[in-house]
Amino acid sequence: MIKTNYGKILDDKLKELQKSGEKPSLLLHACCAPCSSHTMLFLRDYFDITVYFCNPNIAPEKEYEFRKSELKRLISELRLDIDMIDEDYNPAPFYELAKGLENLPERSERCQKCIAYRLRKTAELAKKLNKDYFTTTLTISPHKDCEFINRYGGEIADELGISYLFSDFKKHDGYKHSIQLSAQYNLYRQNYCGCIYSKRVSENG
């Protein structure tokens, strides 16, 4: 089975926008500051970006608030003209969708449901705010299923009637760049995805 080259799809879209001179609005779901660093810098010349921090999977609350504050700090220190919308801490939706899936590994059905929830929330808000596109920073992570993220993003876009920005932010050394930016700005780089189940795995080696 031939894999879809989402990096090329994004490159082609950016070339199209550059040629047209348009700068559409984009609601960018952000999981954390490190993953957002390269992504925001990569997209800023092509989109009017609003960042959306919605991650009910992150636990405990102290972790959630710290990751959120790091993202706000990064936007400020990069001096980006980017607004940020953030949700209050509410892990209930995540624990509801994770019922019966607690012992599954990363990239499993639990992770897919978690990502799907966050993508849908982002798409719904983007539509409400009349944004032109929505997408997520999650495709920069080598630990995430890029194929699933893009496929589901496209499905939600078709369902809700809003454009999804297909991506693979790992391309162009995106992940490497995010690590460099994390060091440059002294960003907190968590050692687990966010949920208590991934935290247990990281603690147990």
Protein backbone atom coordinates (compact mmCIF):
# COMPACT_ATOMS: atom_id res chain seq x y z
CA MET A 1 0.00 0.00 0.00
CA ILE A 2 1.41 3.38 -1.07
CA LYS A 3 1.49 5.90 1.76
CA THR A 4 0.16 9.37 1.18
CA ASN A 5 2.89 12.02 1.23
CA TYR A 6 1.24 14.58 3.49
CA GLY A 7 4.41 16.64 3.61
CA LYS A 8 4.24 17.18 -0.15
CA ILE A 9 0.53 17.99 0.05
CA LEU A 10 1.33 20.71 2.57
CA ASP A 11 4.23 22.03 0.49
CA ASP A 12 1.97 22.25 -2.55
CA LYS A 13 -0.69 24.10 -0.54
CA LEU A 14 1.85 26.62 0.75
CA LYS A 15 3.16 27.24 -2.77
CA GLU A 16 -0.41 27.77 -3.93
CA LEU A 17 -1.05 30.32 -1.17
CA GLN A 18 2.24 32.08 -1.84
CA LYS A 19 1.39 32.39 -5.51
CA SER A 20 -2.13 33.70 -4.81
CA GLY A 21 -1.01 36.20 -2.19
CA GLU A 22 -3.80 35.06 0.10
CA LYS A 23 -3.29 34.60 3.85
CA PRO A 24 -6.21 32.56 5.15
CA SER A 25 -7.06 32.10 8.82
CA LEU A 26 -6.04 28.91 10.59
CA LEU A 27 -7.03 27.41 13.96
CA LEU A 28 -4.01 25.39 15.03
CA HIS A 29 -4.56 22.79 17.72
CA ALA A 30 -1.45 22.71 19.93
CA CYS A 31 -0.47 19.87 22.24
CA CYS A 32 2.56 21.59 23.81
CA ALA A 33 5.16 24.31 23.29
CA PRO A 34 7.92 22.11 21.77
CA CYS A 35 5.64 20.69 19.08
CA SER A 36 4.20 24.15 18.39
CA SER A 37 7.58 25.89 18.03
CA HIS A 38 8.59 24.74 14.55
CA THR A 39 4.98 24.48 13.40
CA MET A 40 4.10 28.10 14.17
CA LEU A 41 7.28 29.42 12.59
CA PHE A 42 6.80 27.23 9.53
CA LEU A 43 3.21 28.41 8.94
CA ARG A 44 3.27 32.03 10.09
CA ASP A 45 4.03 33.54 6.67
CA TYR A 46 1.15 31.69 5.03
CA PHE A 47 -1.67 31.82 7.60
CA ASP A 48 -3.25 34.14 10.13
CA ILE A 49 -2.84 31.70 13.02
CA THR A 50 -4.85 31.28 16.20
CA VAL A 51 -3.53 28.61 18.55
CA TYR A 52 -5.99 26.37 20.39
CA PHE A 53 -4.87 24.53 23.53
CA CYS A 54 -7.40 21.76 24.14
CA ASN A 55 -5.91 18.60 25.67
CA PRO A 56 -8.13 16.89 28.26
CA ASN A 57 -5.80 13.89 28.15
CA ILE A 58 -3.04 15.74 30.03
CA ALA A 59 -2.72 14.82 33.70
CA PRO A 60 -2.37 15.90 36.41
CA GLU A 61 -3.80 19.44 36.46
CA LYS A 62 -0.41 20.89 37.43
CA GLU A 63 1.09 19.37 34.26
CA TYR A 64 -1.75 20.75 32.16
CA GLU A 65 -1.35 24.27 33.47
CA PHE A 66 2.42 24.20 33.08
CA ARG A 67 2.30 23.03 29.47
CA LYS A 68 -0.24 25.75 28.75
CA SER A 69 1.92 28.42 30.38
CA GLU A 70 4.97 27.25 28.41
CA LEU A 71 3.05 27.63 25.16
CA LYS A 72 1.99 31.16 26.11
CA ARG A 73 5.57 32.01 27.02
CA LEU A 74 6.88 30.69 23.71
CA ILE A 75 4.42 32.74 21.67
CA SER A 76 5.45 35.81 23.64
CA GLU A 77 9.20 35.19 23.36
CA LEU A 78 9.01 34.44 19.65
CA ARG A 79 7.13 37.76 19.31
CA LEU A 80 4.57 36.15 17.06
CA ASP A 81 1.37 37.96 16.19
CA ILE A 82 -0.65 34.91 17.22
CA ASP A 83 -3.69 34.76 19.48
CA MET A 84 -4.20 31.81 21.80
CA ILE A 85 -7.42 30.22 22.98
CA ASP A 86 -7.12 27.79 25.87
CA GLU A 87 -9.57 25.53 27.64
CA ASP A 88 -9.82 25.18 31.40
CA TYR A 89 -8.65 21.89 32.84
CA ASN A 90 -11.36 19.24 32.38
CA PRO A 91 -10.13 15.64 32.02
CA ALA A 92 -13.62 14.08 32.15
CA PRO A 93 -14.05 13.69 28.35
CA PHE A 94 -10.74 11.86 28.09
CA TYR A 95 -11.48 9.38 30.88
CA GLU A 96 -14.87 8.72 29.33
CA LEU A 97 -13.43 7.86 25.91
CA ALA A 98 -10.59 5.81 27.47
CA LYS A 99 -12.90 3.44 29.38
CA GLY A 100 -11.89 -0.16 28.70
CA LEU A 101 -8.80 0.95 26.78
CA GLU A 102 -6.60 1.88 29.74
CA ASN A 103 -4.00 -0.85 29.19
CA LEU A 104 -3.48 -0.34 25.48
CA PRO A 105 -0.13 1.07 24.23
CA GLU A 106 0.50 4.39 22.51
CA ARG A 107 -0.85 4.64 18.93
CA SER A 108 -3.65 2.28 19.94
CA GLU A 109 -7.42 2.76 19.76
CA ARG A 110 -7.27 4.87 22.93
CA CYS A 111 -4.86 7.31 21.30
CA GLN A 112 -6.95 7.43 18.15
CA LYS A 113 -10.06 8.29 20.12
CA CYS A 114 -8.16 10.95 22.04
CA ILE A 115 -6.78 12.54 18.88
CA ALA A 116 -10.17 12.32 17.17
CA TYR A 117 -11.80 14.12 20.09
CA ARG A 118 -9.29 16.98 19.96
CA LEU A 119 -9.48 17.28 16.19
CA ARG A 120 -13.27 17.46 16.30
CA LYS A 121 -13.23 20.11 19.02
CA THR A 122 -10.77 22.12 16.93
CA ALA A 123 -12.86 21.78 13.77
CA GLU A 124 -16.06 22.77 15.56
CA LEU A 125 -14.44 25.85 17.07
CA ALA A 126 -12.83 26.78 13.75
CA LYS A 127 -16.22 26.64 12.06
CA LYS A 128 -17.81 28.67 14.86
CA LEU A 129 -15.09 31.33 14.53
CA ASN A 130 -15.33 31.33 10.72
CA LYS A 131 -11.73 30.21 10.27
CA ASP A 132 -10.68 29.07 6.82
CA TYR A 133 -8.68 26.04 7.99
CA PHE A 134 -7.96 23.90 11.01
CA THR A 135 -5.11 21.51 11.76
CA THR A 136 -2.94 20.18 14.59
CA THR A 137 0.70 20.21 15.65
CA LEU A 138 0.48 16.47 16.42
CA THR A 139 1.92 15.38 13.06
CA ILE A 140 5.35 16.69 14.10
CA SER A 141 5.71 13.86 16.61
CA PRO A 142 7.36 10.62 15.46
CA HIS A 143 5.30 8.86 18.12
CA LYS A 144 1.96 9.77 16.55
CA ASP A 145 0.14 8.11 13.65
CA CYS A 146 0.36 10.75 10.95
CA GLU A 147 -1.80 8.74 8.54
CA PHE A 148 -4.65 8.45 11.05
CA ILE A 149 -4.47 12.12 12.05
CA ASN A 150 -4.73 13.33 8.47
CA ARG A 151 -7.35 10.83 7.41
CA TYR A 152 -9.60 11.68 10.33
CA GLY A 153 -8.97 15.41 9.93
CA GLY A 154 -10.11 15.14 6.34
CA GLU A 155 -13.22 13.20 7.34
CA ILE A 156 -14.22 15.81 9.91
CA ALA A 157 -13.61 18.57 7.38
CA ASP A 158 -15.96 16.92 4.90
CA GLU A 159 -18.56 16.34 7.60
CA LEU A 160 -18.54 19.90 8.96
CA GLY A 161 -17.83 21.77 5.75
CA ILE A 162 -14.54 23.37 6.73
CA SER A 163 -11.07 22.94 5.22
CA TYR A 164 -8.47 20.78 6.96
CA LEU A 165 -4.78 21.56 6.43
CA PHE A 166 -3.11 18.23 5.68
CA SER A 167 0.39 18.06 7.13
CA ASP A 168 3.44 16.14 8.18
CA PHE A 169 5.39 18.68 10.18
CA LYS A 170 8.26 16.21 10.65
CA LYS A 171 9.32 17.02 7.09
CA HIS A 172 12.02 19.61 6.42
CA ASP A 173 13.67 18.46 9.67
CA GLY A 174 10.68 19.80 11.57
CA TYR A 175 11.07 17.54 14.56
CA LYS A 176 14.82 18.26 14.73
CA HIS A 177 14.10 21.98 14.53
CA SER A 178 11.59 21.71 17.38
CA ILE A 179 14.29 20.15 19.56
CA GLN A 180 16.69 22.96 18.68
CA LEU A 181 14.06 25.59 19.47
CA SER A 182 13.26 23.86 22.74
CA ALA A 183 16.90 24.16 23.77
CA GLN A 184 17.14 27.75 22.56
CA TYR A 185 14.09 28.89 24.53
CA ASN A 186 14.59 26.48 27.43
CA LEU A 187 11.22 24.85 26.86
CA TYR A 188 9.91 22.10 29.06
CA ARG A 189 10.02 18.86 27.07
CA GLN A 190 7.78 16.32 28.77
CA ASN A 191 8.82 12.65 28.79
CA TYR A 192 5.30 11.33 28.22
CA CYS A 193 2.46 12.17 25.87
CA GLY A 194 0.18 13.55 28.52
CA CYS A 195 -2.24 10.98 29.88
CA ILE A 196 -1.71 8.95 33.05
CA TYR A 197 -1.39 5.77 30.98
CA SER A 198 1.54 7.09 28.93
CA LYS A 199 3.02 8.47 32.16
CA ARG A 200 3.01 4.99 33.68
CA VAL A 201 4.82 3.61 30.66
CA SER A 202 7.50 6.30 30.84
CA GLU A 203 8.00 5.70 34.57
CA ASN A 204 8.26 1.93 34.12
CA GLY A 205 10.72 2.20 31.24
